[in-house]
Amino acid sequence: MILKAVLEDGSRYKTEGFRELVRALKLSDWVNQPETKGEYMEQVKRRNEIFMGEEIQYSSCKEFVLELVRVNMITRLVIE
């Protein structure tokens, strides 16, 4: 499965699956430099709750990505 995602800042990602998309997003986080995908997802969850007032709930990379779509951090997601 191929995922094509566009983020709210206009950045674009093309990956082979949800895990790889989360991995790519983690690697692009130059400010916080999380060690793991799990740490990255928790940091995003926390920041979203603080700045946007919306809670992100997930138990997998797929659910995390779909939550980012729901809260408009990912503005476009195509699954092929």
N, C-alpha and C. Protein backbone atom coordinates (compact mmCIF):
# COMPACT_ATOMS: atom_id res chain seq x y z
N MET A 1 0.84 -1.17 0.00
CA MET A 1 0.00 0.00 0.00
C MET A 1 0.89 1.25 0.00
N ILE A 2 0.54 2.20 -0.80
CA ILE A 2 1.26 3.48 -0.89
C ILE A 2 0.38 4.56 -0.27
N LEU A 3 1.00 5.37 0.59
CA LEU A 3 0.32 6.52 1.19
C LEU A 3 0.95 7.80 0.65
N LYS A 4 0.10 8.73 0.26
CA LYS A 4 0.55 10.06 -0.13
C LYS A 4 -0.14 11.04 0.81
N ALA A 5 0.67 11.81 1.53
CA ALA A 5 0.12 12.73 2.53
C ALA A 5 0.64 14.13 2.30
N VAL A 6 -0.24 15.10 2.53
CA VAL A 6 0.12 16.51 2.50
C VAL A 6 -0.20 17.08 3.87
N LEU A 7 0.78 17.73 4.49
CA LEU A 7 0.59 18.31 5.81
C LEU A 7 0.12 19.75 5.69
N GLU A 8 -0.32 20.29 6.81
CA GLU A 8 -0.85 21.66 6.83
C GLU A 8 0.19 22.70 6.41
N ASP A 9 1.47 22.38 6.56
CA ASP A 9 2.52 23.31 6.14
C ASP A 9 2.91 23.14 4.68
N GLY A 10 2.22 22.22 3.97
CA GLY A 10 2.47 22.01 2.55
C GLY A 10 3.48 20.92 2.25
N SER A 11 4.14 20.38 3.28
CA SER A 11 5.11 19.32 3.03
C SER A 11 4.38 18.06 2.56
N ARG A 12 5.07 17.30 1.71
CA ARG A 12 4.47 16.11 1.10
C ARG A 12 5.31 14.89 1.40
N TYR A 13 4.59 13.79 1.61
CA TYR A 13 5.25 12.51 1.90
C TYR A 13 4.61 11.43 1.06
N LYS A 14 5.45 10.50 0.62
CA LYS A 14 4.97 9.31 -0.10
C LYS A 14 5.69 8.13 0.52
N THR A 15 4.92 7.22 1.14
CA THR A 15 5.52 6.11 1.86
C THR A 15 4.78 4.81 1.56
N GLU A 16 5.40 3.72 1.97
CA GLU A 16 4.78 2.41 1.82
C GLU A 16 4.17 1.98 3.15
N GLY A 17 3.04 2.56 3.49
CA GLY A 17 2.31 2.16 4.69
C GLY A 17 2.34 3.20 5.81
N PHE A 18 1.52 2.93 6.81
CA PHE A 18 1.34 3.87 7.92
C PHE A 18 2.58 3.97 8.80
N ARG A 19 3.22 2.84 9.09
CA ARG A 19 4.44 2.88 9.91
C ARG A 19 5.51 3.74 9.27
N GLU A 20 5.68 3.58 7.96
CA GLU A 20 6.70 4.36 7.26
C GLU A 20 6.35 5.84 7.23
N LEU A 21 5.07 6.16 7.14
CA LEU A 21 4.67 7.58 7.18
C LEU A 21 5.01 8.18 8.54
N VAL A 22 4.69 7.47 9.62
CA VAL A 22 5.03 7.98 10.96
C VAL A 22 6.54 8.11 11.10
N ARG A 23 7.27 7.14 10.57
CA ARG A 23 8.74 7.19 10.61
C ARG A 23 9.26 8.43 9.86
N ALA A 24 8.70 8.70 8.69
CA ALA A 24 9.12 9.87 7.90
C ALA A 24 8.78 11.16 8.64
N LEU A 25 7.62 11.22 9.26
CA LEU A 25 7.24 12.42 10.02
C LEU A 25 8.18 12.62 11.20
N LYS A 26 8.53 11.53 11.88
CA LYS A 26 9.47 11.61 13.01
C LYS A 26 10.82 12.15 12.56
N LEU A 27 11.31 11.64 11.44
CA LEU A 27 12.61 12.07 10.94
C LEU A 27 12.62 13.54 10.51
N SER A 28 11.45 14.07 10.16
CA SER A 28 11.39 15.47 9.74
C SER A 28 11.22 16.42 10.92
N ASP A 29 11.10 15.90 12.13
CA ASP A 29 10.93 16.74 13.33
C ASP A 29 12.30 17.17 13.84
N TRP A 30 12.81 18.26 13.29
CA TRP A 30 14.15 18.75 13.64
C TRP A 30 14.19 19.43 15.00
N VAL A 31 13.06 19.97 15.45
CA VAL A 31 13.04 20.74 16.69
C VAL A 31 13.11 19.82 17.91
N ASN A 32 12.26 18.80 17.95
CA ASN A 32 12.17 17.96 19.15
C ASN A 32 13.07 16.74 19.10
N GLN A 33 13.43 16.28 17.94
CA GLN A 33 14.32 15.13 17.72
C GLN A 33 13.96 13.94 18.60
N PRO A 34 12.76 13.39 18.43
CA PRO A 34 12.36 12.22 19.22
C PRO A 34 13.20 11.00 18.86
N GLU A 35 13.42 10.14 19.84
CA GLU A 35 14.23 8.94 19.66
C GLU A 35 13.47 7.85 18.90
N THR A 36 12.19 7.68 19.18
CA THR A 36 11.40 6.59 18.62
C THR A 36 10.11 7.12 18.01
N LYS A 37 9.44 6.25 17.22
CA LYS A 37 8.13 6.62 16.68
C LYS A 37 7.14 6.86 17.81
N GLY A 38 7.20 6.00 18.83
CA GLY A 38 6.30 6.15 19.97
C GLY A 38 6.48 7.49 20.68
N GLU A 39 7.73 7.88 20.87
CA GLU A 39 8.02 9.17 21.50
C GLU A 39 7.51 10.30 20.62
N TYR A 40 7.71 10.20 19.31
CA TYR A 40 7.23 11.21 18.38
C TYR A 40 5.71 11.35 18.48
N MET A 41 5.00 10.22 18.46
CA MET A 41 3.53 10.26 18.50
C MET A 41 3.04 10.88 19.80
N GLU A 42 3.69 10.57 20.92
CA GLU A 42 3.29 11.16 22.20
C GLU A 42 3.54 12.66 22.22
N GLN A 43 4.66 13.11 21.63
CA GLN A 43 4.95 14.55 21.57
C GLN A 43 3.91 15.28 20.73
N VAL A 44 3.54 14.70 19.59
CA VAL A 44 2.52 15.31 18.73
C VAL A 44 1.19 15.35 19.46
N LYS A 45 0.85 14.26 20.12
CA LYS A 45 -0.40 14.21 20.89
C LYS A 45 -0.44 15.32 21.93
N ARG A 46 0.63 15.45 22.69
CA ARG A 46 0.71 16.47 23.74
C ARG A 46 0.61 17.88 23.16
N ARG A 47 1.38 18.15 22.09
CA ARG A 47 1.34 19.49 21.48
C ARG A 47 -0.04 19.81 20.93
N ASN A 48 -0.69 18.82 20.32
CA ASN A 48 -2.02 19.06 19.77
C ASN A 48 -3.02 19.38 20.87
N GLU A 49 -2.92 18.69 21.98
CA GLU A 49 -3.83 18.96 23.10
C GLU A 49 -3.59 20.35 23.66
N ILE A 50 -2.34 20.76 23.77
CA ILE A 50 -2.01 22.07 24.33
C ILE A 50 -2.41 23.20 23.39
N PHE A 51 -2.01 23.10 22.12
CA PHE A 51 -2.19 24.22 21.19
C PHE A 51 -3.52 24.22 20.47
N MET A 52 -4.09 23.04 20.22
CA MET A 52 -5.33 22.97 19.46
C MET A 52 -6.54 22.61 20.33
N GLY A 53 -6.27 22.12 21.54
CA GLY A 53 -7.36 21.77 22.43
C GLY A 53 -8.09 20.50 22.05
N GLU A 54 -7.51 19.69 21.19
CA GLU A 54 -8.13 18.45 20.76
C GLU A 54 -7.27 17.27 21.14
N GLU A 55 -7.92 16.23 21.66
CA GLU A 55 -7.20 15.03 22.06
C GLU A 55 -7.07 14.08 20.87
N ILE A 56 -5.89 13.51 20.73
CA ILE A 56 -5.63 12.48 19.73
C ILE A 56 -5.58 11.15 20.47
N GLN A 57 -6.35 10.18 19.99
CA GLN A 57 -6.34 8.85 20.58
C GLN A 57 -5.93 7.84 19.52
N TYR A 58 -5.01 6.96 19.88
CA TYR A 58 -4.52 5.97 18.92
C TYR A 58 -3.91 4.79 19.65
N SER A 59 -3.85 3.66 18.97
CA SER A 59 -3.15 2.50 19.51
C SER A 59 -2.27 1.85 18.45
N SER A 60 -2.17 2.50 17.29
CA SER A 60 -1.33 2.00 16.20
C SER A 60 -0.92 3.17 15.32
N CYS A 61 0.04 2.91 14.45
CA CYS A 61 0.46 3.95 13.50
C CYS A 61 -0.69 4.35 12.59
N LYS A 62 -1.47 3.38 12.15
CA LYS A 62 -2.61 3.68 11.28
C LYS A 62 -3.59 4.62 11.99
N GLU A 63 -3.96 4.30 13.21
CA GLU A 63 -4.88 5.15 13.96
C GLU A 63 -4.29 6.53 14.19
N PHE A 64 -3.00 6.62 14.45
CA PHE A 64 -2.34 7.90 14.65
C PHE A 64 -2.46 8.77 13.40
N VAL A 65 -2.15 8.19 12.26
CA VAL A 65 -2.23 8.94 11.00
C VAL A 65 -3.67 9.39 10.74
N LEU A 66 -4.62 8.51 10.95
CA LEU A 66 -6.02 8.88 10.72
C LEU A 66 -6.48 9.97 11.69
N GLU A 67 -5.95 9.97 12.89
CA GLU A 67 -6.25 11.05 13.84
C GLU A 67 -5.64 12.38 13.36
N LEU A 68 -4.45 12.32 12.77
CA LEU A 68 -3.85 13.55 12.23
C LEU A 68 -4.69 14.10 11.09
N VAL A 69 -5.32 13.23 10.32
CA VAL A 69 -6.25 13.68 9.28
C VAL A 69 -7.46 14.34 9.95
N ARG A 70 -7.99 13.70 10.97
CA ARG A 70 -9.18 14.22 11.65
C ARG A 70 -8.96 15.62 12.21
N VAL A 71 -7.77 15.87 12.77
CA VAL A 71 -7.50 17.19 13.36
C VAL A 71 -6.84 18.15 12.38
N ASN A 72 -6.80 17.77 11.12
CA ASN A 72 -6.30 18.60 10.01
C ASN A 72 -4.81 18.89 10.05
N MET A 73 -4.04 18.09 10.74
CA MET A 73 -2.58 18.22 10.63
C MET A 73 -2.13 17.63 9.30
N ILE A 74 -2.79 16.57 8.87
CA ILE A 74 -2.63 16.05 7.51
C ILE A 74 -3.85 16.51 6.76
N THR A 75 -3.65 17.36 5.75
CA THR A 75 -4.79 17.95 5.05
C THR A 75 -5.28 17.09 3.89
N ARG A 76 -4.39 16.19 3.42
CA ARG A 76 -4.79 15.30 2.32
C ARG A 76 -4.07 13.98 2.49
N LEU A 77 -4.82 12.89 2.40
CA LEU A 77 -4.23 11.55 2.50
C LEU A 77 -4.85 10.67 1.41
N VAL A 78 -3.98 10.15 0.55
CA VAL A 78 -4.42 9.24 -0.50
C VAL A 78 -3.82 7.88 -0.20
N ILE A 79 -4.66 6.84 -0.20
CA ILE A 79 -4.19 5.48 0.04
C ILE A 79 -4.40 4.70 -1.25
N GLU A 80 -3.30 4.19 -1.78
CA GLU A 80 -3.36 3.43 -3.04
C GLU A 80 -3.02 1.98 -2.79
